[in-house]
Amino acid sequence: MPNLKKSKIVEEIKEKLARANLILMTDYRGMKVADVQNLKNDVRSDEAEYAVVKNTLLRVATDDRPILQKEFESLEGPTAVLFCYKDEVAPLKKLLKFAKTLELPKMKFAFMKDLFLGEADITRLSSLPSRDILVGQVVGTIGSPLYRLQNALSFNLRGLATQINQIKENKNSN
């Protein structure tokens, strides 16, 4: 019976690993159960999940992904995983803010798709603006030259309309 239960857990972990854009391993040792629960609830609003997972089950779940398996072999100590399914930055910022306040959990490493991220990379990633802000900046950057072109093309027409209006006012005043 335990093997069936563990195999179901491994399948769930595999599904989460495949679905997640960012996978962050943390050491939650020293955190209170209430703190872990608060963190879980906090990141859930950003379509992310924070879960305590056994290292052996993580290793088994990454058997078919050699890029991940190499790092997961070195996992030691209690591990909790942040699975970010949509936006990578918002839940990461919440976790790091939480970690800054309590000095827990401690970051181990992360994977964004199949790209390994160390602690410095994780900190740099967390300093980015959220996905919505980045999309807005890209749209603004793309739209800016078009707006300037439209403005330049309509400048002469506005000038002509102003000149015609002044001529009309001059004739009416005479």
Protein backbone atom coordinates (compact mmCIF):
# COMPACT_ATOMS: atom_id res chain seq x y z
CA MET A 1 0.00 0.00 0.00
CA PRO A 2 2.73 2.61 0.78
CA ASN A 3 4.29 2.02 -2.66
CA LEU A 4 1.01 2.86 -4.39
CA LYS A 5 0.69 6.02 -2.31
CA LYS A 6 4.27 7.05 -3.07
CA SER A 7 3.86 6.36 -6.78
CA LYS A 8 0.81 8.65 -6.82
CA ILE A 9 2.83 11.36 -5.08
CA VAL A 10 5.67 10.93 -7.59
CA GLU A 11 3.19 11.29 -10.48
CA GLU A 12 1.80 14.46 -8.92
CA ILE A 13 5.32 15.87 -8.54
CA LYS A 14 6.13 15.01 -12.17
CA GLU A 15 2.97 16.80 -13.31
CA LYS A 16 3.86 19.86 -11.21
CA LEU A 17 7.44 19.89 -12.51
CA ALA A 18 6.20 19.71 -16.11
CA ARG A 19 3.62 22.47 -15.59
CA ALA A 20 5.78 24.91 -13.60
CA ASN A 21 7.69 27.77 -15.23
CA LEU A 22 9.89 28.14 -12.15
CA ILE A 23 10.84 25.52 -9.55
CA LEU A 24 12.59 26.84 -6.43
CA MET A 25 14.05 24.52 -3.78
CA THR A 26 14.17 25.88 -0.25
CA ASP A 27 15.27 24.61 3.14
CA TYR A 28 12.33 25.20 5.47
CA ARG A 29 14.09 23.90 8.61
CA GLY A 30 13.13 26.06 11.59
CA MET A 31 9.88 27.37 10.14
CA LYS A 32 6.73 26.93 12.17
CA VAL A 33 3.81 25.08 10.63
CA ALA A 34 1.74 28.27 10.74
CA ASP A 35 4.46 30.14 8.81
CA VAL A 36 4.57 27.46 6.12
CA GLN A 37 0.78 27.58 5.86
CA ASN A 38 0.80 31.39 5.60
CA LEU A 39 3.39 31.22 2.84
CA LYS A 40 1.35 28.57 0.99
CA ASN A 41 -1.75 30.75 1.17
CA ASP A 42 0.16 33.86 0.14
CA VAL A 43 1.64 32.41 -3.07
CA ARG A 44 -1.55 30.58 -4.05
CA SER A 45 -3.09 33.88 -5.19
CA ASP A 46 -0.33 34.15 -7.84
CA GLU A 47 -1.03 30.67 -9.24
CA ALA A 48 1.91 29.16 -7.41
CA GLU A 49 2.25 26.37 -4.90
CA TYR A 50 4.61 25.92 -1.98
CA ALA A 51 4.85 22.28 -0.93
CA VAL A 52 7.02 20.23 1.40
CA VAL A 53 8.40 17.28 -0.58
CA LYS A 54 10.71 14.42 0.32
CA ASN A 55 14.06 14.54 -1.46
CA THR A 56 13.84 10.87 -2.47
CA LEU A 57 10.47 11.44 -4.14
CA LEU A 58 11.87 14.49 -5.96
CA ARG A 59 14.78 12.39 -7.23
CA VAL A 60 12.45 9.69 -8.48
CA ALA A 61 10.21 12.29 -10.15
CA THR A 62 13.16 13.72 -12.09
CA ASP A 63 14.44 10.38 -13.42
CA ASP A 64 13.23 11.24 -16.92
CA ARG A 65 14.76 14.75 -16.89
CA PRO A 66 18.57 14.41 -16.71
CA ILE A 67 19.13 18.18 -16.57
CA LEU A 68 17.16 18.40 -13.34
CA GLN A 69 18.28 15.04 -11.96
CA LYS A 70 21.92 16.12 -11.62
CA GLU A 71 21.04 18.89 -9.16
CA PHE A 72 18.34 16.93 -7.37
CA GLU A 73 20.86 14.20 -6.53
CA SER A 74 22.69 16.69 -4.30
CA LEU A 75 19.59 17.65 -2.28
CA GLU A 76 20.06 17.30 1.46
CA GLY A 77 17.96 18.26 4.43
CA PRO A 78 14.29 19.15 4.50
CA THR A 79 13.07 20.57 1.20
CA ALA A 80 10.05 22.64 0.28
CA VAL A 81 9.43 23.51 -3.36
CA LEU A 82 7.88 26.63 -4.84
CA PHE A 83 6.13 25.73 -8.10
CA CYS A 84 5.32 28.88 -10.12
CA TYR A 85 2.80 28.05 -12.83
CA LYS A 86 2.05 31.43 -14.43
CA ASP A 87 4.09 34.41 -13.28
CA GLU A 88 7.56 33.55 -12.06
CA VAL A 89 8.34 36.85 -10.37
CA ALA A 90 5.33 37.66 -8.15
CA PRO A 91 5.40 34.47 -6.03
CA LEU A 92 9.19 34.62 -5.87
CA LYS A 93 9.00 38.18 -4.53
CA LYS A 94 6.50 37.08 -1.89
CA LEU A 95 8.72 34.17 -0.83
CA LEU A 96 11.84 36.35 -0.64
CA LYS A 97 9.96 39.04 1.32
CA PHE A 98 8.79 36.32 3.70
CA ALA A 99 12.36 34.96 3.92
CA LYS A 100 13.74 38.43 4.60
CA THR A 101 11.31 38.91 7.49
CA LEU A 102 11.86 35.53 9.18
CA GLU A 103 15.27 34.72 7.67
CA LEU A 104 13.60 31.47 6.60
CA PRO A 105 13.26 29.56 4.30
CA LYS A 106 16.78 29.42 2.90
CA MET A 107 17.19 29.21 -0.86
CA LYS A 108 18.91 26.15 -2.31
CA PHE A 109 18.57 26.48 -6.09
CA ALA A 110 15.97 26.90 -8.80
CA PHE A 111 15.13 25.89 -12.34
CA MET A 112 13.38 28.10 -14.85
CA LYS A 113 12.23 25.59 -17.46
CA ASP A 114 15.52 23.63 -17.75
CA LEU A 115 17.86 26.51 -16.86
CA PHE A 116 19.66 26.21 -13.51
CA LEU A 117 19.52 29.31 -11.27
CA GLY A 118 21.77 29.85 -8.28
CA GLU A 119 21.00 32.08 -5.33
CA ALA A 120 22.36 35.22 -7.07
CA ASP A 121 20.22 34.49 -10.14
CA ILE A 122 17.14 34.02 -7.95
CA THR A 123 17.73 37.39 -6.27
CA ARG A 124 18.22 39.08 -9.66
CA LEU A 125 15.04 37.47 -11.01
CA SER A 126 13.06 38.68 -8.01
CA SER A 127 14.11 42.27 -8.71
CA LEU A 128 12.30 42.25 -12.07
CA PRO A 129 8.88 43.87 -12.33
CA SER A 130 5.86 41.58 -12.60
CA ARG A 131 4.78 40.04 -15.90
CA ASP A 132 1.93 42.57 -16.35
CA ILE A 133 4.28 45.52 -15.93
CA LEU A 134 6.82 44.00 -18.35
CA VAL A 135 4.10 43.42 -20.96
CA GLY A 136 2.98 47.03 -20.53
CA GLN A 137 6.53 48.25 -21.01
CA VAL A 138 6.96 46.18 -24.19
CA VAL A 139 3.66 47.44 -25.61
CA GLY A 140 4.63 51.01 -24.72
CA THR A 141 8.04 50.60 -26.35
CA ILE A 142 6.49 49.18 -29.52
CA GLY A 143 3.76 51.83 -29.60
CA SER A 144 6.03 54.80 -28.93
CA PRO A 145 7.53 55.11 -32.45
CA LEU A 146 4.06 54.75 -33.97
CA TYR A 147 2.70 57.49 -31.73
CA ARG A 148 5.61 59.77 -32.66
CA LEU A 149 5.10 59.05 -36.38
CA GLN A 150 1.39 59.83 -36.09
CA ASN A 151 2.24 63.02 -34.21
CA ALA A 152 4.79 64.09 -36.85
CA LEU A 153 2.39 63.38 -39.73
CA SER A 154 -0.47 65.30 -38.11
CA PHE A 155 1.75 68.27 -37.16
CA ASN A 156 1.48 69.91 -40.59
CA LEU A 157 -2.28 69.41 -40.68
CA ARG A 158 -2.65 71.05 -37.27
CA GLY A 159 -0.46 73.93 -38.42
CA LEU A 160 -2.57 74.35 -41.58
CA ALA A 161 -5.80 74.32 -39.54
CA THR A 162 -4.36 76.96 -37.20
CA GLN A 163 -3.35 79.19 -40.14
CA ILE A 164 -6.78 78.88 -41.77
CA ASN A 165 -8.45 79.71 -38.45
CA GLN A 166 -6.26 82.83 -38.06
CA ILE A 167 -7.06 83.97 -41.60
CA LYS A 168 -10.78 83.50 -40.88
CA GLU A 169 -10.52 85.53 -37.65
CA ASN A 170 -8.59 88.29 -39.44
CA LYS A 171 -11.28 88.54 -42.15
CA ASN A 172 -14.10 88.57 -39.56
CA SER A 173 -12.43 91.33 -37.55
CA ASN A 174 -11.99 93.57 -40.66
